[in-house]
Amino acid sequence: MIYIYKVKRRHLTDTEKVCLMGMDDVVSQHSPRQLKKFYCADFQFPNGDTFSLEPKAVHLDSADAIE
């Protein structure tokens, strides 16, 4: 499964904010339940770059499964 999450901009670096390209969505292969157990996970940004973020940087309740 692939999930889309809304990010919390206050937890992002300036580079990550630029990579969002004005959007608020990032993509991950991990479910909200899995993310709660992780210290950090990889998220793909709209420009195609991948960054490791802590789960607190995304709204876990905003997860939408797309595949």
PDB file of N, CA and C in Angstrom:
ATOM      1  N   MET A   1       0.833  -1.190   0.000  1.00  0.00           N
ATOM      2  CA  MET A   1       0.000   0.000   0.000  1.00  0.00           C
ATOM      3  C   MET A   1       0.871   1.245   0.000  1.00  0.00           C
ATOM      4  N   ILE A   2       0.361   2.272  -0.618  1.00  0.00           N
ATOM      5  CA  ILE A   2       1.018   3.571  -0.618  1.00  0.00           C
ATOM      6  C   ILE A   2       0.055   4.572   0.011  1.00  0.00           C
ATOM      7  N   TYR A   3       0.601   5.414   0.889  1.00  0.00           N
ATOM      8  CA  TYR A   3      -0.216   6.364   1.632  1.00  0.00           C
ATOM      9  C   TYR A   3       0.246   7.790   1.370  1.00  0.00           C
ATOM     10  N   ILE A   4      -0.715   8.702   1.333  1.00  0.00           N
ATOM     11  CA  ILE A   4      -0.427  10.136   1.240  1.00  0.00           C
ATOM     12  C   ILE A   4      -0.705  10.747   2.604  1.00  0.00           C
ATOM     13  N   TYR A   5       0.230  11.578   3.073  1.00  0.00           N
ATOM     14  CA  TYR A   5       0.097  12.252   4.361  1.00  0.00           C
ATOM     15  C   TYR A   5       0.242  13.754   4.185  1.00  0.00           C
ATOM     16  N   LYS A   6      -0.444  14.519   5.017  1.00  0.00           N
ATOM     17  CA  LYS A   6      -0.257  15.968   5.102  1.00  0.00           C
ATOM     18  C   LYS A   6       0.912  16.212   6.055  1.00  0.00           C
ATOM     19  N   VAL A   7       1.792  17.144   5.684  1.00  0.00           N
ATOM     20  CA  VAL A   7       2.945  17.431   6.532  1.00  0.00           C
ATOM     21  C   VAL A   7       2.675  18.608   7.453  1.00  0.00           C
ATOM     22  N   LYS A   8       3.394  18.639   8.553  1.00  0.00           N
ATOM     23  CA  LYS A   8       3.390  19.771   9.472  1.00  0.00           C
ATOM     24  C   LYS A   8       4.635  20.589   9.126  1.00  0.00           C
ATOM     25  N   ARG A   9       4.456  21.698   8.479  1.00  0.00           N
ATOM     26  CA  ARG A   9       5.576  22.489   7.967  1.00  0.00           C
ATOM     27  C   ARG A   9       6.553  22.934   9.054  1.00  0.00           C
ATOM     28  N   ARG A  10       6.112  23.103  10.276  1.00  0.00           N
ATOM     29  CA  ARG A  10       7.003  23.599  11.320  1.00  0.00           C
ATOM     30  C   ARG A  10       8.099  22.587  11.664  1.00  0.00           C
ATOM     31  N   HIS A  11       7.928  21.330  11.271  1.00  0.00           N
ATOM     32  CA  HIS A  11       8.921  20.291  11.539  1.00  0.00           C
ATOM     33  C   HIS A  11       9.870  20.061  10.364  1.00  0.00           C
ATOM     34  N   LEU A  12       9.778  20.875   9.324  1.00  0.00           N
ATOM     35  CA  LEU A  12      10.591  20.666   8.125  1.00  0.00           C
ATOM     36  C   LEU A  12      11.737  21.662   8.037  1.00  0.00           C
ATOM     37  N   THR A  13      12.802  21.245   7.369  1.00  0.00           N
ATOM     38  CA  THR A  13      13.912  22.158   7.091  1.00  0.00           C
ATOM     39  C   THR A  13      13.525  23.043   5.912  1.00  0.00           C
ATOM     40  N   ASP A  14      14.317  24.076   5.673  1.00  0.00           N
ATOM     41  CA  ASP A  14      14.042  24.972   4.541  1.00  0.00           C
ATOM     42  C   ASP A  14      14.114  24.221   3.218  1.00  0.00           C
ATOM     43  N   THR A  15      15.060  23.312   3.081  1.00  0.00           N
ATOM     44  CA  THR A  15      15.189  22.522   1.854  1.00  0.00           C
ATOM     45  C   THR A  15      13.952  21.667   1.624  1.00  0.00           C
ATOM     46  N   GLU A  16      13.464  21.030   2.673  1.00  0.00           N
ATOM     47  CA  GLU A  16      12.264  20.195   2.553  1.00  0.00           C
ATOM     48  C   GLU A  16      11.047  21.036   2.185  1.00  0.00           C
ATOM     49  N   LYS A  17      10.962  22.237   2.724  1.00  0.00           N
ATOM     50  CA  LYS A  17       9.845  23.123   2.391  1.00  0.00           C
ATOM     51  C   LYS A  17       9.873  23.507   0.913  1.00  0.00           C
ATOM     52  N   VAL A  18      11.061  23.748   0.371  1.00  0.00           N
ATOM     53  CA  VAL A  18      11.195  24.074  -1.053  1.00  0.00           C
ATOM     54  C   VAL A  18      10.766  22.877  -1.896  1.00  0.00           C
ATOM     55  N   CYS A  19      11.146  21.663  -1.468  1.00  0.00           N
ATOM     56  CA  CYS A  19      10.814  20.446  -2.210  1.00  0.00           C
ATOM     57  C   CYS A  19       9.313  20.152  -2.221  1.00  0.00           C
ATOM     58  N   LEU A  20       8.569  20.739  -1.299  1.00  0.00           N
ATOM     59  CA  LEU A  20       7.110  20.566  -1.292  1.00  0.00           C
ATOM     60  C   LEU A  20       6.453  21.299  -2.466  1.00  0.00           C
ATOM     61  N   MET A  21       7.153  22.274  -3.016  1.00  0.00           N
ATOM     62  CA  MET A  21       6.652  23.034  -4.171  1.00  0.00           C
ATOM     63  C   MET A  21       5.258  23.620  -3.920  1.00  0.00           C
ATOM     64  N   GLY A  22       5.037  24.153  -2.720  1.00  0.00           N
ATOM     65  CA  GLY A  22       3.766  24.780  -2.395  1.00  0.00           C
ATOM     66  C   GLY A  22       2.658  23.815  -2.021  1.00  0.00           C
ATOM     67  N   MET A  23       2.932  22.535  -2.004  1.00  0.00           N
ATOM     68  CA  MET A  23       1.923  21.536  -1.651  1.00  0.00           C
ATOM     69  C   MET A  23       2.119  21.110  -0.191  1.00  0.00           C
ATOM     70  N   ASP A  24       1.212  20.296   0.321  1.00  0.00           N
ATOM     71  CA  ASP A  24       1.309  19.818   1.697  1.00  0.00           C
ATOM     72  C   ASP A  24       1.344  18.300   1.798  1.00  0.00           C
ATOM     73  N   ASP A  25       1.420  17.602   0.677  1.00  0.00           N
ATOM     74  CA  ASP A  25       1.322  16.147   0.686  1.00  0.00           C
ATOM     75  C   ASP A  25       2.669  15.474   0.429  1.00  0.00           C
ATOM     76  N   VAL A  26       2.922  14.403   1.184  1.00  0.00           N
ATOM     77  CA  VAL A  26       4.081  13.547   0.959  1.00  0.00           C
ATOM     78  C   VAL A  26       3.579  12.103   0.883  1.00  0.00           C
ATOM     79  N   VAL A  27       4.384  11.238   0.285  1.00  0.00           N
ATOM     80  CA  VAL A  27       3.978   9.855   0.046  1.00  0.00           C
ATOM     81  C   VAL A  27       4.888   8.912   0.821  1.00  0.00           C
ATOM     82  N   SER A  28       4.305   7.849   1.376  1.00  0.00           N
ATOM     83  CA  SER A  28       5.075   6.832   2.095  1.00  0.00           C
ATOM     84  C   SER A  28       4.455   5.467   1.851  1.00  0.00           C
ATOM     85  N   GLN A  29       5.284   4.439   1.974  1.00  0.00           N
ATOM     86  CA  GLN A  29       4.778   3.074   1.847  1.00  0.00           C
ATOM     87  C   GLN A  29       4.340   2.508   3.197  1.00  0.00           C
ATOM     88  N   HIS A  30       4.507   3.295   4.260  1.00  0.00           N
ATOM     89  CA  HIS A  30       4.188   2.826   5.607  1.00  0.00           C
ATOM     90  C   HIS A  30       2.820   3.325   6.065  1.00  0.00           C
ATOM     91  N   SER A  31       2.088   2.450   6.727  1.00  0.00           N
ATOM     92  CA  SER A  31       0.773   2.801   7.260  1.00  0.00           C
ATOM     93  C   SER A  31       0.944   3.649   8.522  1.00  0.00           C
ATOM     94  N   PRO A  32      -0.101   4.343   8.944  1.00  0.00           N
ATOM     95  CA  PRO A  32      -0.020   5.114  10.184  1.00  0.00           C
ATOM     96  C   PRO A  32       0.349   4.239  11.387  1.00  0.00           C
ATOM     97  N   ARG A  33      -0.149   3.035  11.420  1.00  0.00           N
ATOM     98  CA  ARG A  33       0.162   2.120  12.521  1.00  0.00           C
ATOM     99  C   ARG A  33       1.661   1.800  12.549  1.00  0.00           C
ATOM    100  N   GLN A  34       2.249   1.568  11.389  1.00  0.00           N
ATOM    101  CA  GLN A  34       3.679   1.294  11.320  1.00  0.00           C
ATOM    102  C   GLN A  34       4.495   2.523  11.713  1.00  0.00           C
ATOM    103  N   LEU A  35       4.070   3.688  11.245  1.00  0.00           N
ATOM    104  CA  LEU A  35       4.821   4.909  11.531  1.00  0.00           C
ATOM    105  C   LEU A  35       4.877   5.215  13.020  1.00  0.00           C
ATOM    106  N   LYS A  36       3.850   4.871  13.758  1.00  0.00           N
ATOM    107  CA  LYS A  36       3.845   5.108  15.201  1.00  0.00           C
ATOM    108  C   LYS A  36       4.975   4.354  15.895  1.00  0.00           C
ATOM    109  N   LYS A  37       5.439   3.273  15.290  1.00  0.00           N
ATOM    110  CA  LYS A  37       6.494   2.446  15.884  1.00  0.00           C
ATOM    111  C   LYS A  37       7.897   2.880  15.467  1.00  0.00           C
ATOM    112  N   PHE A  38       8.008   3.703  14.427  1.00  0.00           N
ATOM    113  CA  PHE A  38       9.303   4.090  13.879  1.00  0.00           C
ATOM    114  C   PHE A  38       9.810   5.380  14.495  1.00  0.00           C
ATOM    115  N   TYR A  39      11.149   5.504  14.535  1.00  0.00           N
ATOM    116  CA  TYR A  39      11.757   6.780  14.911  1.00  0.00           C
ATOM    117  C   TYR A  39      11.713   7.743  13.721  1.00  0.00           C
ATOM    118  N   CYS A  40      11.991   7.215  12.522  1.00  0.00           N
ATOM    119  CA  CYS A  40      11.866   8.007  11.305  1.00  0.00           C
ATOM    120  C   CYS A  40      11.588   7.073  10.132  1.00  0.00           C
ATOM    121  N   ALA A  41      11.101   7.648   9.047  1.00  0.00           N
ATOM    122  CA  ALA A  41      10.769   6.869   7.851  1.00  0.00           C
ATOM    123  C   ALA A  41      10.985   7.748   6.625  1.00  0.00           C
ATOM    124  N   ASP A  42      11.123   7.108   5.470  1.00  0.00           N
ATOM    125  CA  ASP A  42      11.318   7.834   4.222  1.00  0.00           C
ATOM    126  C   ASP A  42       9.975   8.274   3.641  1.00  0.00           C
ATOM    127  N   PHE A  43       9.942   9.536   3.211  1.00  0.00           N
ATOM    128  CA  PHE A  43       8.765  10.106   2.566  1.00  0.00           C
ATOM    129  C   PHE A  43       9.199  10.725   1.252  1.00  0.00           C
ATOM    130  N   GLN A  44       8.403  10.505   0.215  1.00  0.00           N
ATOM    131  CA  GLN A  44       8.708  11.106  -1.086  1.00  0.00           C
ATOM    132  C   GLN A  44       7.943  12.411  -1.214  1.00  0.00           C
ATOM    133  N   PHE A  45       8.651  13.449  -1.634  1.00  0.00           N
ATOM    134  CA  PHE A  45       8.084  14.781  -1.786  1.00  0.00           C
ATOM    135  C   PHE A  45       7.608  14.981  -3.226  1.00  0.00           C
ATOM    136  N   PRO A  46       6.763  15.996  -3.481  1.00  0.00           N
ATOM    137  CA  PRO A  46       6.199  16.203  -4.818  1.00  0.00           C
ATOM    138  C   PRO A  46       7.237  16.368  -5.933  1.00  0.00           C
ATOM    139  N   ASN A  47       8.434  16.865  -5.613  1.00  0.00           N
ATOM    140  CA  ASN A  47       9.447  17.043  -6.653  1.00  0.00           C
ATOM    141  C   ASN A  47      10.225  15.754  -6.927  1.00  0.00           C
ATOM    142  N   GLY A  48       9.925  14.673  -6.212  1.00  0.00           N
ATOM    143  CA  GLY A  48      10.570  13.389  -6.432  1.00  0.00           C
ATOM    144  C   GLY A  48      11.670  13.056  -5.443  1.00  0.00           C
ATOM    145  N   ASP A  49      12.113  14.036  -4.649  1.00  0.00           N
ATOM    146  CA  ASP A  49      13.143  13.779  -3.646  1.00  0.00           C
ATOM    147  C   ASP A  49      12.565  13.000  -2.477  1.00  0.00           C
ATOM    148  N   THR A  50      13.415  12.229  -1.818  1.00  0.00           N
ATOM    149  CA  THR A  50      13.007  11.446  -0.654  1.00  0.00           C
ATOM    150  C   THR A  50      13.793  11.920   0.565  1.00  0.00           C
ATOM    151  N   PHE A  51      13.086  12.168   1.652  1.00  0.00           N
ATOM    152  CA  PHE A  51      13.702  12.602   2.903  1.00  0.00           C
ATOM    153  C   PHE A  51      13.201  11.718   4.033  1.00  0.00           C
ATOM    154  N   SER A  52      14.061  11.525   5.033  1.00  0.00           N
ATOM    155  CA  SER A  52      13.655  10.809   6.244  1.00  0.00           C
ATOM    156  C   SER A  52      13.062  11.827   7.208  1.00  0.00           C
ATOM    157  N   LEU A  53      11.858  11.551   7.651  1.00  0.00           N
ATOM    158  CA  LEU A  53      11.170  12.425   8.601  1.00  0.00           C
ATOM    159  C   LEU A  53      10.728  11.615   9.800  1.00  0.00           C
ATOM    160  N   GLU A  54      10.632  12.284  10.932  1.00  0.00           N
ATOM    161  CA  GLU A  54      10.039  11.653  12.102  1.00  0.00           C
ATOM    162  C   GLU A  54       8.525  11.640  11.902  1.00  0.00           C
ATOM    163  N   PRO A  55       7.848  10.638  12.438  1.00  0.00           N
ATOM    164  CA  PRO A  55       6.384  10.579  12.286  1.00  0.00           C
ATOM    165  C   PRO A  55       5.661  11.820  12.808  1.00  0.00           C
ATOM    166  N   LYS A  56       6.260  12.524  13.776  1.00  0.00           N
ATOM    167  CA  LYS A  56       5.610  13.738  14.296  1.00  0.00           C
ATOM    168  C   LYS A  56       5.570  14.851  13.249  1.00  0.00           C
ATOM    169  N   ALA A  57       6.290  14.704  12.136  1.00  0.00           N
ATOM    170  CA  ALA A  57       6.309  15.720  11.089  1.00  0.00           C
ATOM    171  C   ALA A  57       5.136  15.597  10.124  1.00  0.00           C
ATOM    172  N   VAL A  58       4.340  14.542  10.270  1.00  0.00           N
ATOM    173  CA  VAL A  58       3.166  14.364   9.405  1.00  0.00           C
ATOM    174  C   VAL A  58       1.928  14.154  10.276  1.00  0.00           C
ATOM    175  N   HIS A  59       0.778  14.466   9.710  1.00  0.00           N
ATOM    176  CA  HIS A  59      -0.494  14.211  10.389  1.00  0.00           C
ATOM    177  C   HIS A  59      -0.874  12.751  10.109  1.00  0.00           C
ATOM    178  N   LEU A  60      -0.692  11.883  11.093  1.00  0.00           N
ATOM    179  CA  LEU A  60      -0.980  10.465  10.874  1.00  0.00           C
ATOM    180  C   LEU A  60      -2.443  10.198  10.586  1.00  0.00           C
ATOM    181  N   ASP A  61      -3.316  11.040  11.114  1.00  0.00           N
ATOM    182  CA  ASP A  61      -4.753  10.842  10.876  1.00  0.00           C
ATOM    183  C   ASP A  61      -5.187  11.331   9.502  1.00  0.00           C
ATOM    184  N   SER A  62      -4.271  11.931   8.737  1.00  0.00           N
ATOM    185  CA  SER A  62      -4.611  12.405   7.392  1.00  0.00           C
ATOM    186  C   SER A  62      -4.302  11.384   6.313  1.00  0.00           C
ATOM    187  N   ALA A  63      -3.883  10.184   6.693  1.00  0.00           N
ATOM    188  CA  ALA A  63      -3.449   9.177   5.723  1.00  0.00           C
ATOM    189  C   ALA A  63      -4.573   8.775   4.787  1.00  0.00           C
ATOM    190  N   ASP A  64      -4.260   8.788   3.493  1.00  0.00           N
ATOM    191  CA  ASP A  64      -5.165   8.283   2.453  1.00  0.00           C
ATOM    192  C   ASP A  64      -4.416   7.215   1.669  1.00  0.00           C
ATOM    193  N   ALA A  65      -4.982   6.024   1.606  1.00  0.00           N
ATOM    194  CA  ALA A  65      -4.368   4.940   0.827  1.00  0.00           C
ATOM    195  C   ALA A  65      -4.679   5.166  -0.645  1.00  0.00           C
ATOM    196  N   ILE A  66      -3.640   5.115  -1.491  1.00  0.00           N
ATOM    197  CA  ILE A  66      -3.861   5.343  -2.919  1.00  0.00           C
ATOM    198  C   ILE A  66      -3.653   4.087  -3.741  1.00  0.00           C
ATOM    199  N   GLU A  67      -3.022   3.062  -3.193  1.00  0.00           N
ATOM    200  CA  GLU A  67      -2.855   1.790  -3.901  1.00  0.00           C
ATOM    201  C   GLU A  67      -2.955   0.654  -2.931  1.00  0.00           C
TER     202      GLU A  67
END
